Amino acid sequence: MTRVHDLAHARAGDKGNTSNIVVVAYDAAGWEQLRRDLTAERVAATFAAIGAGPVTRYELPRLAALNFVIENALGGGVSRSLSIDPHGKSLSALMLTIDLPDTE
């Protein structure tokens, strides 16, 4: 089984109640698999457990990166959330655990 962390690293940011997570591939092969398999729908399914969504995916091919904008992911935002991680920095770790189909 391949997980996102096998192919890339990630970094999260926040604005209000929206999390922004960029996933950057380690190499060209990883970029191709991420581009094909790390869909907005797959990310939305993973983040649904925290009540997040909708999810919008942006491709940044020159950086071999995908940027995901995940709305409603921060419990109301930094100044309203009771979360121990109100900025959502740990959400990039959740992104890295997503299982992807194995390629042949």
PDB file of N, CA and C in Angstrom:
ATOM      1  N   MET A   1       0.838  -1.174   0.000  1.00  0.00           N
ATOM      2  CA  MET A   1       0.000   0.000   0.000  1.00  0.00           C
ATOM      3  C   MET A   1       0.886   1.241   0.000  1.00  0.00           C
ATOM      4  N   THR A   2       0.527   2.194  -0.819  1.00  0.00           N
ATOM      5  CA  THR A   2       1.249   3.453  -0.904  1.00  0.00           C
ATOM      6  C   THR A   2       0.464   4.522  -0.168  1.00  0.00           C
ATOM      7  N   ARG A   3       1.166   5.278   0.638  1.00  0.00           N
ATOM      8  CA  ARG A   3       0.555   6.429   1.310  1.00  0.00           C
ATOM      9  C   ARG A   3       1.192   7.700   0.771  1.00  0.00           C
ATOM     10  N   VAL A   4       0.493   8.793   0.949  1.00  0.00           N
ATOM     11  CA  VAL A   4       0.993  10.071   0.454  1.00  0.00           C
ATOM     12  C   VAL A   4       2.406  10.333   0.989  1.00  0.00           C
ATOM     13  N   HIS A   5       2.671   9.992   2.254  1.00  0.00           N
ATOM     14  CA  HIS A   5       4.002  10.269   2.827  1.00  0.00           C
ATOM     15  C   HIS A   5       5.121   9.506   2.138  1.00  0.00           C
ATOM     16  N   ASP A   6       4.785   8.452   1.399  1.00  0.00           N
ATOM     17  CA  ASP A   6       5.803   7.730   0.631  1.00  0.00           C
ATOM     18  C   ASP A   6       6.246   8.516  -0.602  1.00  0.00           C
ATOM     19  N   LEU A   7       5.412   9.457  -1.038  1.00  0.00           N
ATOM     20  CA  LEU A   7       5.642  10.173  -2.292  1.00  0.00           C
ATOM     21  C   LEU A   7       5.927  11.655  -2.128  1.00  0.00           C
ATOM     22  N   ALA A   8       5.614  12.214  -0.934  1.00  0.00           N
ATOM     23  CA  ALA A   8       5.642  13.676  -0.817  1.00  0.00           C
ATOM     24  C   ALA A   8       5.758  14.128   0.629  1.00  0.00           C
ATOM     25  N   HIS A   9       5.977  15.414   0.774  1.00  0.00           N
ATOM     26  CA  HIS A   9       5.870  16.067   2.081  1.00  0.00           C
ATOM     27  C   HIS A   9       4.744  17.085   1.981  1.00  0.00           C
ATOM     28  N   ALA A  10       4.315  17.611   3.128  1.00  0.00           N
ATOM     29  CA  ALA A  10       3.166  18.515   3.134  1.00  0.00           C
ATOM     30  C   ALA A  10       3.387  19.648   4.125  1.00  0.00           C
ATOM     31  N   ARG A  11       2.663  20.735   3.886  1.00  0.00           N
ATOM     32  CA  ARG A  11       2.724  21.916   4.755  1.00  0.00           C
ATOM     33  C   ARG A  11       1.331  22.521   4.808  1.00  0.00           C
ATOM     34  N   ALA A  12       0.896  22.890   5.994  1.00  0.00           N
ATOM     35  CA  ALA A  12      -0.450  23.446   6.172  1.00  0.00           C
ATOM     36  C   ALA A  12      -0.384  24.912   6.573  1.00  0.00           C
ATOM     37  N   GLY A  13      -1.409  25.633   6.183  1.00  0.00           N
ATOM     38  CA  GLY A  13      -1.599  27.013   6.591  1.00  0.00           C
ATOM     39  C   GLY A  13      -3.072  27.210   6.890  1.00  0.00           C
ATOM     40  N   ASP A  14      -3.432  28.400   7.337  1.00  0.00           N
ATOM     41  CA  ASP A  14      -4.828  28.631   7.674  1.00  0.00           C
ATOM     42  C   ASP A  14      -5.222  30.064   7.376  1.00  0.00           C
ATOM     43  N   LYS A  15      -6.511  30.243   7.174  1.00  0.00           N
ATOM     44  CA  LYS A  15      -7.109  31.564   7.036  1.00  0.00           C
ATOM     45  C   LYS A  15      -8.540  31.400   7.502  1.00  0.00           C
ATOM     46  N   GLY A  16      -8.852  31.965   8.654  1.00  0.00           N
ATOM     47  CA  GLY A  16     -10.192  31.807   9.203  1.00  0.00           C
ATOM     48  C   GLY A  16     -10.480  30.355   9.499  1.00  0.00           C
ATOM     49  N   ASN A  17     -11.565  29.830   8.965  1.00  0.00           N
ATOM     50  CA  ASN A  17     -11.974  28.448   9.189  1.00  0.00           C
ATOM     51  C   ASN A  17     -11.535  27.536   8.040  1.00  0.00           C
ATOM     52  N   THR A  18     -10.601  28.008   7.218  1.00  0.00           N
ATOM     53  CA  THR A  18     -10.158  27.274   6.042  1.00  0.00           C
ATOM     54  C   THR A  18      -8.705  26.844   6.200  1.00  0.00           C
ATOM     55  N   SER A  19      -8.450  25.571   5.940  1.00  0.00           N
ATOM     56  CA  SER A  19      -7.086  25.051   5.948  1.00  0.00           C
ATOM     57  C   SER A  19      -6.588  24.952   4.513  1.00  0.00           C
ATOM     58  N   ASN A  20      -5.330  25.247   4.334  1.00  0.00           N
ATOM     59  CA  ASN A  20      -4.673  25.191   3.041  1.00  0.00           C
ATOM     60  C   ASN A  20      -3.498  24.226   3.201  1.00  0.00           C
ATOM     61  N   ILE A  21      -3.529  23.114   2.479  1.00  0.00           N
ATOM     62  CA  ILE A  21      -2.460  22.120   2.610  1.00  0.00           C
ATOM     63  C   ILE A  21      -1.839  21.879   1.245  1.00  0.00           C
ATOM     64  N   VAL A  22      -0.541  22.089   1.171  1.00  0.00           N
ATOM     65  CA  VAL A  22       0.183  21.821  -0.064  1.00  0.00           C
ATOM     66  C   VAL A  22       0.933  20.499   0.101  1.00  0.00           C
ATOM     67  N   VAL A  23       0.875  19.673  -0.945  1.00  0.00           N
ATOM     68  CA  VAL A  23       1.557  18.383  -0.983  1.00  0.00           C
ATOM     69  C   VAL A  23       2.570  18.469  -2.116  1.00  0.00           C
ATOM     70  N   VAL A  24       3.852  18.300  -1.784  1.00  0.00           N
ATOM     71  CA  VAL A  24       4.926  18.463  -2.767  1.00  0.00           C
ATOM     72  C   VAL A  24       5.626  17.121  -2.973  1.00  0.00           C
ATOM     73  N   ALA A  25       5.623  16.648  -4.211  1.00  0.00           N
ATOM     74  CA  ALA A  25       6.213  15.348  -4.543  1.00  0.00           C
ATOM     75  C   ALA A  25       7.728  15.375  -4.411  1.00  0.00           C
ATOM     76  N   TYR A  26       8.270  14.233  -4.029  1.00  0.00           N
ATOM     77  CA  TYR A  26       9.724  14.087  -3.938  1.00  0.00           C
ATOM     78  C   TYR A  26      10.367  13.969  -5.315  1.00  0.00           C
ATOM     79  N   ASP A  27       9.637  13.374  -6.271  1.00  0.00           N
ATOM     80  CA  ASP A  27      10.209  13.160  -7.605  1.00  0.00           C
ATOM     81  C   ASP A  27       9.102  13.113  -8.658  1.00  0.00           C
ATOM     82  N   ALA A  28       9.497  12.965  -9.920  1.00  0.00           N
ATOM     83  CA  ALA A  28       8.540  12.997 -11.031  1.00  0.00           C
ATOM     84  C   ALA A  28       7.550  11.836 -10.978  1.00  0.00           C
ATOM     85  N   ALA A  29       8.008  10.659 -10.598  1.00  0.00           N
ATOM     86  CA  ALA A  29       7.099   9.509 -10.513  1.00  0.00           C
ATOM     87  C   ALA A  29       6.051   9.728  -9.428  1.00  0.00           C
ATOM     88  N   GLY A  30       6.479  10.255  -8.302  1.00  0.00           N
ATOM     89  CA  GLY A  30       5.546  10.564  -7.229  1.00  0.00           C
ATOM     90  C   GLY A  30       4.544  11.619  -7.643  1.00  0.00           C
ATOM     91  N   TRP A  31       5.015  12.628  -8.369  1.00  0.00           N
ATOM     92  CA  TRP A  31       4.124  13.684  -8.862  1.00  0.00           C
ATOM     93  C   TRP A  31       3.034  13.093  -9.752  1.00  0.00           C
ATOM     94  N   GLU A  32       3.400  12.208 -10.648  1.00  0.00           N
ATOM     95  CA  GLU A  32       2.411  11.613 -11.539  1.00  0.00           C
ATOM     96  C   GLU A  32       1.366  10.818 -10.765  1.00  0.00           C
ATOM     97  N   GLN A  33       1.801  10.058  -9.764  1.00  0.00           N
ATOM     98  CA  GLN A  33       0.823   9.291  -8.994  1.00  0.00           C
ATOM     99  C   GLN A  33      -0.058  10.206  -8.147  1.00  0.00           C
ATOM    100  N   LEU A  34       0.536  11.198  -7.520  1.00  0.00           N
ATOM    101  CA  LEU A  34      -0.275  12.139  -6.739  1.00  0.00           C
ATOM    102  C   LEU A  34      -1.276  12.860  -7.623  1.00  0.00           C
ATOM    103  N   ARG A  35      -0.832  13.301  -8.762  1.00  0.00           N
ATOM    104  CA  ARG A  35      -1.701  14.030  -9.686  1.00  0.00           C
ATOM    105  C   ARG A  35      -2.888  13.171 -10.117  1.00  0.00           C
ATOM    106  N   ARG A  36      -2.630  11.892 -10.296  1.00  0.00           N
ATOM    107  CA  ARG A  36      -3.676  10.965 -10.733  1.00  0.00           C
ATOM    108  C   ARG A  36      -4.587  10.532  -9.575  1.00  0.00           C
ATOM    109  N   ASP A  37      -4.016  10.240  -8.418  1.00  0.00           N
ATOM    110  CA  ASP A  37      -4.767   9.540  -7.364  1.00  0.00           C
ATOM    111  C   ASP A  37      -5.161  10.375  -6.145  1.00  0.00           C
ATOM    112  N   LEU A  38      -4.481  11.471  -5.889  1.00  0.00           N
ATOM    113  CA  LEU A  38      -4.827  12.276  -4.716  1.00  0.00           C
ATOM    114  C   LEU A  38      -5.861  13.319  -5.142  1.00  0.00           C
ATOM    115  N   THR A  39      -7.092  12.874  -5.239  1.00  0.00           N
ATOM    116  CA  THR A  39      -8.178  13.704  -5.728  1.00  0.00           C
ATOM    117  C   THR A  39      -8.807  14.519  -4.595  1.00  0.00           C
ATOM    118  N   ALA A  40      -9.536  15.531  -4.975  1.00  0.00           N
ATOM    119  CA  ALA A  40     -10.278  16.321  -3.984  1.00  0.00           C
ATOM    120  C   ALA A  40     -11.282  15.432  -3.263  1.00  0.00           C
ATOM    121  N   GLU A  41     -11.875  14.482  -3.969  1.00  0.00           N
ATOM    122  CA  GLU A  41     -12.846  13.576  -3.364  1.00  0.00           C
ATOM    123  C   GLU A  41     -12.203  12.675  -2.320  1.00  0.00           C
ATOM    124  N   ARG A  42     -11.005  12.170  -2.615  1.00  0.00           N
ATOM    125  CA  ARG A  42     -10.293  11.302  -1.660  1.00  0.00           C
ATOM    126  C   ARG A  42      -9.909  12.104  -0.413  1.00  0.00           C
ATOM    127  N   VAL A  43      -9.462  13.333  -0.608  1.00  0.00           N
ATOM    128  CA  VAL A  43      -9.106  14.202   0.528  1.00  0.00           C
ATOM    129  C   VAL A  43     -10.356  14.543   1.340  1.00  0.00           C
ATOM    130  N   ALA A  44     -11.444  14.861   0.658  1.00  0.00           N
ATOM    131  CA  ALA A  44     -12.693  15.188   1.355  1.00  0.00           C
ATOM    132  C   ALA A  44     -13.168  14.015   2.209  1.00  0.00           C
ATOM    133  N   ALA A  45     -13.049  12.804   1.694  1.00  0.00           N
ATOM    134  CA  ALA A  45     -13.459  11.625   2.457  1.00  0.00           C
ATOM    135  C   ALA A  45     -12.617  11.472   3.720  1.00  0.00           C
ATOM    136  N   THR A  46     -11.332  11.757   3.623  1.00  0.00           N
ATOM    137  CA  THR A  46     -10.446  11.652   4.784  1.00  0.00           C
ATOM    138  C   THR A  46     -10.765  12.712   5.827  1.00  0.00           C
ATOM    139  N   PHE A  47     -11.038  13.925   5.379  1.00  0.00           N
ATOM    140  CA  PHE A  47     -11.277  15.039   6.291  1.00  0.00           C
ATOM    141  C   PHE A  47     -12.733  15.148   6.751  1.00  0.00           C
ATOM    142  N   ALA A  48     -13.615  14.313   6.221  1.00  0.00           N
ATOM    143  CA  ALA A  48     -15.030  14.346   6.601  1.00  0.00           C
ATOM    144  C   ALA A  48     -15.218  14.057   8.093  1.00  0.00           C
ATOM    145  N   ALA A  49     -14.329  13.271   8.674  1.00  0.00           N
ATOM    146  CA  ALA A  49     -14.441  12.923  10.095  1.00  0.00           C
ATOM    147  C   ALA A  49     -14.351  14.143  11.013  1.00  0.00           C
ATOM    148  N   ILE A  50     -13.739  15.224  10.530  1.00  0.00           N
ATOM    149  CA  ILE A  50     -13.672  16.447  11.345  1.00  0.00           C
ATOM    150  C   ILE A  50     -14.678  17.484  10.869  1.00  0.00           C
ATOM    151  N   GLY A  51     -15.588  17.052   9.998  1.00  0.00           N
ATOM    152  CA  GLY A  51     -16.635  17.950   9.514  1.00  0.00           C
ATOM    153  C   GLY A  51     -16.172  18.939   8.475  1.00  0.00           C
ATOM    154  N   ALA A  52     -15.064  18.637   7.824  1.00  0.00           N
ATOM    155  CA  ALA A  52     -14.476  19.560   6.856  1.00  0.00           C
ATOM    156  C   ALA A  52     -15.076  19.374   5.467  1.00  0.00           C
ATOM    157  N   GLY A  53     -15.033  20.441   4.701  1.00  0.00           N
ATOM    158  CA  GLY A  53     -15.431  20.393   3.308  1.00  0.00           C
ATOM    159  C   GLY A  53     -16.268  21.600   2.968  1.00  0.00           C
ATOM    160  N   PRO A  54     -16.364  21.932   1.732  1.00  0.00           N
ATOM    161  CA  PRO A  54     -15.843  21.231   0.565  1.00  0.00           C
ATOM    162  C   PRO A  54     -14.327  21.390   0.412  1.00  0.00           C
ATOM    163  N   VAL A  55     -13.771  20.595  -0.511  1.00  0.00           N
ATOM    164  CA  VAL A  55     -12.338  20.597  -0.789  1.00  0.00           C
ATOM    165  C   VAL A  55     -12.125  20.990  -2.252  1.00  0.00           C
ATOM    166  N   THR A  56     -11.212  21.926  -2.472  1.00  0.00           N
ATOM    167  CA  THR A  56     -10.837  22.327  -3.834  1.00  0.00           C
ATOM    168  C   THR A  56      -9.363  22.007  -4.031  1.00  0.00           C
ATOM    169  N   ARG A  57      -9.032  21.397  -5.169  1.00  0.00           N
ATOM    170  CA  ARG A  57      -7.649  21.030  -5.474  1.00  0.00           C
ATOM    171  C   ARG A  57      -7.123  21.910  -6.598  1.00  0.00           C
ATOM    172  N   TYR A  58      -5.897  22.414  -6.404  1.00  0.00           N
ATOM    173  CA  TYR A  58      -5.207  23.192  -7.428  1.00  0.00           C
ATOM    174  C   TYR A  58      -3.898  22.483  -7.764  1.00  0.00           C
ATOM    175  N   GLU A  59      -3.589  22.369  -9.051  1.00  0.00           N
ATOM    176  CA  GLU A  59      -2.333  21.752  -9.491  1.00  0.00           C
ATOM    177  C   GLU A  59      -1.283  22.825  -9.725  1.00  0.00           C
ATOM    178  N   LEU A  60      -0.072  22.542  -9.261  1.00  0.00           N
ATOM    179  CA  LEU A  60       1.074  23.424  -9.466  1.00  0.00           C
ATOM    180  C   LEU A  60       2.179  22.588 -10.114  1.00  0.00           C
ATOM    181  N   PRO A  61       2.068  22.307 -11.419  1.00  0.00           N
ATOM    182  CA  PRO A  61       2.988  21.375 -12.065  1.00  0.00           C
ATOM    183  C   PRO A  61       4.452  21.788 -12.029  1.00  0.00           C
ATOM    184  N   ARG A  62       4.738  23.068 -12.091  1.00  0.00           N
ATOM    185  CA  ARG A  62       6.151  23.494 -12.060  1.00  0.00           C
ATOM    186  C   ARG A  62       6.801  23.213 -10.713  1.00  0.00           C
ATOM    187  N   LEU A  63       5.978  23.089  -9.687  1.00  0.00           N
ATOM    188  CA  LEU A  63       6.473  22.763  -8.349  1.00  0.00           C
ATOM    189  C   LEU A  63       6.268  21.296  -8.004  1.00  0.00           C
ATOM    190  N   ALA A  64       5.650  20.530  -8.895  1.00  0.00           N
ATOM    191  CA  ALA A  64       5.258  19.140  -8.632  1.00  0.00           C
ATOM    192  C   ALA A  64       4.460  19.077  -7.334  1.00  0.00           C
ATOM    193  N   ALA A  65       3.464  19.962  -7.255  1.00  0.00           N
ATOM    194  CA  ALA A  65       2.697  20.091  -6.013  1.00  0.00           C
ATOM    195  C   ALA A  65       1.206  20.197  -6.284  1.00  0.00           C
ATOM    196  N   LEU A  66       0.445  19.790  -5.279  1.00  0.00           N
ATOM    197  CA  LEU A  66      -1.001  19.970  -5.263  1.00  0.00           C
ATOM    198  C   LEU A  66      -1.342  20.822  -4.056  1.00  0.00           C
ATOM    199  N   ASN A  67      -2.211  21.784  -4.239  1.00  0.00           N
ATOM    200  CA  ASN A  67      -2.653  22.635  -3.145  1.00  0.00           C
ATOM    201  C   ASN A  67      -4.132  22.348  -2.898  1.00  0.00           C
ATOM    202  N   PHE A  68      -4.455  21.973  -1.671  1.00  0.00           N
ATOM    203  CA  PHE A  68      -5.834  21.674  -1.300  1.00  0.00           C
ATOM    204  C   PHE A  68      -6.340  22.761  -0.362  1.00  0.00           C
ATOM    205  N   VAL A  69      -7.471  23.352  -0.714  1.00  0.00           N
ATOM    206  CA  VAL A  69      -8.140  24.325   0.129  1.00  0.00           C
ATOM    207  C   VAL A  69      -9.324  23.590   0.742  1.00  0.00           C
ATOM    208  N   ILE A  70      -9.300  23.448   2.062  1.00  0.00           N
ATOM    209  CA  ILE A  70     -10.300  22.650   2.776  1.00  0.00           C
ATOM    210  C   ILE A  70     -11.091  23.578   3.686  1.00  0.00           C
ATOM    211  N   GLU A  71     -12.323  23.820   3.307  1.00  0.00           N
ATOM    212  CA  GLU A  71     -13.176  24.720   4.076  1.00  0.00           C
ATOM    213  C   GLU A  71     -13.743  24.009   5.311  1.00  0.00           C
ATOM    214  N   ASN A  72     -14.079  24.798   6.315  1.00  0.00           N
ATOM    215  CA  ASN A  72     -14.709  24.299   7.548  1.00  0.00           C
ATOM    216  C   ASN A  72     -13.855  23.261   8.273  1.00  0.00           C
ATOM    217  N   ALA A  73     -12.551  23.411   8.212  1.00  0.00           N
ATOM    218  CA  ALA A  73     -11.650  22.409   8.785  1.00  0.00           C
ATOM    219  C   ALA A  73     -11.087  22.791  10.150  1.00  0.00           C
ATOM    220  N   LEU A  74     -11.353  24.014  10.613  1.00  0.00           N
ATOM    221  CA  LEU A  74     -10.645  24.489  11.801  1.00  0.00           C
ATOM    222  C   LEU A  74     -11.557  24.841  12.972  1.00  0.00           C
ATOM    223  N   GLY A  75     -12.699  24.207  13.034  1.00  0.00           N
ATOM    224  CA  GLY A  75     -13.580  24.405  14.182  1.00  0.00           C
ATOM    225  C   GLY A  75     -14.004  25.844  14.392  1.00  0.00           C
ATOM    226  N   GLY A  76     -14.156  26.590  13.316  1.00  0.00           N
ATOM    227  CA  GLY A  76     -14.561  27.988  13.420  1.00  0.00           C
ATOM    228  C   GLY A  76     -13.427  28.967  13.219  1.00  0.00           C
ATOM    229  N   GLY A  77     -12.193  28.500  13.255  1.00  0.00           N
ATOM    230  CA  GLY A  77     -11.036  29.371  13.064  1.00  0.00           C
ATOM    231  C   GLY A  77     -10.244  29.546  14.350  1.00  0.00           C
ATOM    232  N   VAL A  78      -9.085  30.129  14.219  1.00  0.00           N
ATOM    233  CA  VAL A  78      -8.133  30.243  15.330  1.00  0.00           C
ATOM    234  C   VAL A  78      -8.741  30.906  16.561  1.00  0.00           C
ATOM    235  N   SER A  79      -9.465  31.989  16.379  1.00  0.00           N
ATOM    236  CA  SER A  79      -9.977  32.720  17.532  1.00  0.00           C
ATOM    237  C   SER A  79     -11.260  32.122  18.106  1.00  0.00           C
ATOM    238  N   ARG A  80     -11.848  31.126  17.434  1.00  0.00           N
ATOM    239  CA  ARG A  80     -13.094  30.518  17.906  1.00  0.00           C
ATOM    240  C   ARG A  80     -12.952  29.066  18.304  1.00  0.00           C
ATOM    241  N   SER A  81     -11.927  28.397  17.830  1.00  0.00           N
ATOM    242  CA  SER A  81     -11.791  26.962  18.036  1.00  0.00           C
ATOM    243  C   SER A  81     -11.292  26.635  19.438  1.00  0.00           C
ATOM    244  N   LEU A  82     -11.801  25.537  19.979  1.00  0.00           N
ATOM    245  CA  LEU A  82     -11.309  25.014  21.255  1.00  0.00           C
ATOM    246  C   LEU A  82     -10.265  23.926  21.029  1.00  0.00           C
ATOM    247  N   SER A  83      -9.889  23.719  19.799  1.00  0.00           N
ATOM    248  CA  SER A  83      -8.904  22.706  19.432  1.00  0.00           C
ATOM    249  C   SER A  83      -7.540  23.028  20.027  1.00  0.00           C
ATOM    250  N   ILE A  84      -6.772  21.984  20.354  1.00  0.00           N
ATOM    251  CA  ILE A  84      -5.409  22.223  20.836  1.00  0.00           C
ATOM    252  C   ILE A  84      -4.478  22.620  19.689  1.00  0.00           C
ATOM    253  N   ASP A  85      -4.956  22.484  18.464  1.00  0.00           N
ATOM    254  CA  ASP A  85      -4.210  22.895  17.272  1.00  0.00           C
ATOM    255  C   ASP A  85      -5.106  23.794  16.425  1.00  0.00           C
ATOM    256  N   PRO A  86      -5.403  25.002  16.896  1.00  0.00           N
ATOM    257  CA  PRO A  86      -6.379  25.837  16.194  1.00  0.00           C
ATOM    258  C   PRO A  86      -5.935  26.276  14.797  1.00  0.00           C
ATOM    259  N   HIS A  87      -4.640  26.273  14.527  1.00  0.00           N
ATOM    260  CA  HIS A  87      -4.144  26.642  13.201  1.00  0.00           C
ATOM    261  C   HIS A  87      -4.218  25.473  12.220  1.00  0.00           C
ATOM    262  N   GLY A  88      -4.443  24.269  12.722  1.00  0.00           N
ATOM    263  CA  GLY A  88      -4.577  23.103  11.856  1.00  0.00           C
ATOM    264  C   GLY A  88      -3.264  22.592  11.290  1.00  0.00           C
ATOM    265  N   LYS A  89      -2.141  22.893  11.932  1.00  0.00           N
ATOM    266  CA  LYS A  89      -0.843  22.443  11.408  1.00  0.00           C
ATOM    267  C   LYS A  89      -0.752  20.917  11.372  1.00  0.00           C
ATOM    268  N   SER A  90      -1.422  20.231  12.308  1.00  0.00           N
ATOM    269  CA  SER A  90      -1.374  18.767  12.310  1.00  0.00           C
ATOM    270  C   SER A  90      -2.184  18.155  11.171  1.00  0.00           C
ATOM    271  N   LEU A  91      -3.012  18.959  10.490  1.00  0.00           N
ATOM    272  CA  LEU A  91      -3.791  18.422   9.381  1.00  0.00           C
ATOM    273  C   LEU A  91      -2.903  17.977   8.227  1.00  0.00           C
ATOM    274  N   SER A  92      -1.715  18.546   8.101  1.00  0.00           N
ATOM    275  CA  SER A  92      -0.807  18.071   7.056  1.00  0.00           C
ATOM    276  C   SER A  92      -0.379  16.635   7.354  1.00  0.00           C
ATOM    277  N   ALA A  93      -0.265  16.275   8.636  1.00  0.00           N
ATOM    278  CA  ALA A  93       0.060  14.891   8.992  1.00  0.00           C
ATOM    279  C   ALA A  93      -1.072  13.955   8.596  1.00  0.00           C
ATOM    280  N   LEU A  94      -2.319  14.394   8.788  1.00  0.00           N
ATOM    281  CA  LEU A  94      -3.459  13.591   8.349  1.00  0.00           C
ATOM    282  C   LEU A  94      -3.424  13.400   6.831  1.00  0.00           C
ATOM    283  N   MET A  95      -3.119  14.440   6.091  1.00  0.00           N
ATOM    284  CA  MET A  95      -3.018  14.346   4.636  1.00  0.00           C
ATOM    285  C   MET A  95      -1.991  13.286   4.234  1.00  0.00           C
ATOM    286  N   LEU A  96      -0.870  13.241   4.932  1.00  0.00           N
ATOM    287  CA  LEU A  96       0.201  12.301   4.582  1.00  0.00           C
ATOM    288  C   LEU A  96      -0.171  10.843   4.836  1.00  0.00           C
ATOM    289  N   THR A  97      -1.212  10.592   5.625  1.00  0.00           N
ATOM    290  CA  THR A  97      -1.618   9.203   5.914  1.00  0.00           C
ATOM    291  C   THR A  97      -2.599   8.636   4.896  1.00  0.00           C
ATOM    292  N   ILE A  98      -3.034   9.429   3.937  1.00  0.00           N
ATOM    293  CA  ILE A  98      -4.025   8.954   2.964  1.00  0.00           C
ATOM    294  C   ILE A  98      -3.452   7.821   2.127  1.00  0.00           C
ATOM    295  N   ASP A  99      -4.214   6.720   2.056  1.00  0.00           N
ATOM    296  CA  ASP A  99      -3.832   5.568   1.243  1.00  0.00           C
ATOM    297  C   ASP A  99      -4.154   5.846  -0.224  1.00  0.00           C
ATOM    298  N   LEU A 100      -3.234   5.456  -1.096  1.00  0.00           N
ATOM    299  CA  LEU A 100      -3.412   5.602  -2.544  1.00  0.00           C
ATOM    300  C   LEU A 100      -3.350   4.230  -3.193  1.00  0.00           C
ATOM    301  N   PRO A 101      -3.998   4.064  -4.333  1.00  0.00           N
ATOM    302  CA  PRO A 101      -3.893   2.781  -5.030  1.00  0.00           C
ATOM    303  C   PRO A 101      -2.450   2.515  -5.449  1.00  0.00           C
ATOM    304  N   ASP A 102      -2.040   1.263  -5.344  1.00  0.00           N
ATOM    305  CA  ASP A 102      -0.699   0.906  -5.805  1.00  0.00           C
ATOM    306  C   ASP A 102      -0.676   0.897  -7.322  1.00  0.00           C
ATOM    307  N   THR A 103       0.446   1.375  -7.876  1.00  0.00           N
ATOM    308  CA  THR A 103       0.611   1.364  -9.329  1.00  0.00           C
ATOM    309  C   THR A 103       1.418   0.138  -9.727  1.00  0.00           C
ATOM    310  N   GLU A 104       1.280  -0.241 -10.940  1.00  0.00           N
ATOM    311  CA  GLU A 104       2.001  -1.423 -11.429  1.00  0.00           C
ATOM    312  C   GLU A 104       3.217  -1.022 -12.193  1.00  0.00           C
TER     313      GLU A 104
END
